[in-house]
Each structure stands twice: as C-alpha cells, then as structure tokens.
Amino acid sequence: MRVLFVGDSMTIGGAGEHTWRHRMWRHLERTCGPHGEAFEIVGPRDALYDKAADAPVSRAYADPAFPAPARRHLAGWGEGWLHMAPVIAGAVREHHADTLLVFLGLIDLGFYTGSEETAATVRRFVAEARSARPHVRAVVLPVIPNVRARHDAPFAAECERFNELLAKAVAELSTPASPLLPASPPDDWDPDRDTYDGTHPTASGEHRIAAAFAGALHQAWGVGGPYRMPA
C-alpha cells in the first residue's frame, strides 16, 4: 500500500506542528507494519509551511523522530482541488501511489470557486489520477466548515452543498477496480478545541482528522485497525 496524502493547509501543516499526517503514520505503524498490510508514505513534497517565510520550506516537525520518508505528501498552503487536479496524475505516476487520502475543498469554497465548480474539479481530479493508475483507490474527507461558517450563512450553505455534491460524485465514480470511499467527518468537531485559529487543527484536531481516515480504511477495506484516541 503506497499512501499519498493530498490536501491544503490543514494537511501540509505549519512549522512546529505534528500534522494529522504524522498521527496517521503513527496509527498505520501501530496497526499495519509487520503484522498487517505493508505500507509506505509517498509523494513529491515533505516540508511544512513556514509562516515567517510565507513558503513551504520548514522541516521543523514537532516530532524529530518522524522519519523523512514518512513526511512525504502532496499538500500545499492555499491549494485546493483546483490546484491538485492538474498535478495529481504526475504525482501518482512518479511515486506509484495506489491509495490516496484526500482532504480538500475548504480553500476552494473560501477563495476560488463555488460548490458546483469545485465538484466538477473533483471529477477531473479522479479522472486524472486514474489516467496515471487505473486501479488507484481513494478515501475522501468532506469539508469541515471553519468558524467563518458561523457568521457567513452563504458560505455555510456552499460548504453543505459541496459536501452533498462530493458524496454524489464519490458514489457515482466509484468502481470495483478503482474504489472511492467517503470518510465521515468527526461528529464532535469543535473549532474552539480542535483548531488554533478557527481553521487549522490543534493536536486534538489532528487526531480527529486522522481517526476519520483510519476509520474509513478499517471499516471498508480492512486496513489497519481502530484509531486509538489519546486519553
């Protein structure tokens, strides 16, 4: 299993953070590894976003023991479905990715495109990924609305509408040869606890995002096991 993380600022993370990618790697190490399905984290990037430099140039992960190969990803600060659709084929092809863990959409809806346009880009993304690897599979996490949705009703409605369209696209595009799996967003997500600025995850948020992907992988495909939330 060659896992490629695809996401925006919530996935790349910032200097000094663990990231949910780290939490997911730890989970896979615990539940797969030598006792289950072998896995490798792949991707063209490995850095964190450095806010002072305004660029993805930091490698100051909170856990210095996070091995360099496991830091790989395809995520970017300010990048969404719109940005990943043109590059996913190249990343899948070059790094032989067969399992995509995708968490995108909030930045698209917040700055670039509406729900209908973003949903169309999702379909393009899937087609591009399959052009590089026809049997690629993916777990897709819906948008988790940030604090803007609390006071911006049109934005909240766009998030809800996009998630509906995303679920429809995943259901329609999934095939036995190239399955697409919707992950369930954390039902206890609390922006005041799970984010440090209303959007980007704290440690508790990182664990909840990782748990959403881990639960989908385990329940649908038998990969790994139940996610162990910290006490």
Foldseek 3Di string as FASTA:
>chain_A
DEEAEEEELQALDAAQEQGLLNLLVVLQVVFDPPVHDDYWYFADDQFHQYPVVRGRDHPRHNDPPCDRRSSHHHYYYLDFLVRQLVCLLVGCQVTVAQEYEYEGDLSCLVPNDFLVVSLVSVLSSVVSNCVNPVQHEYEYEQDDDFCVVVPDVVSVVRSVSNSVSNVVCQVVPADPSYHYHYFYQDPPDDLVQQPDPRPHGDPQVSLRSSQRVVVRCCVPPNRGDHRDHDD
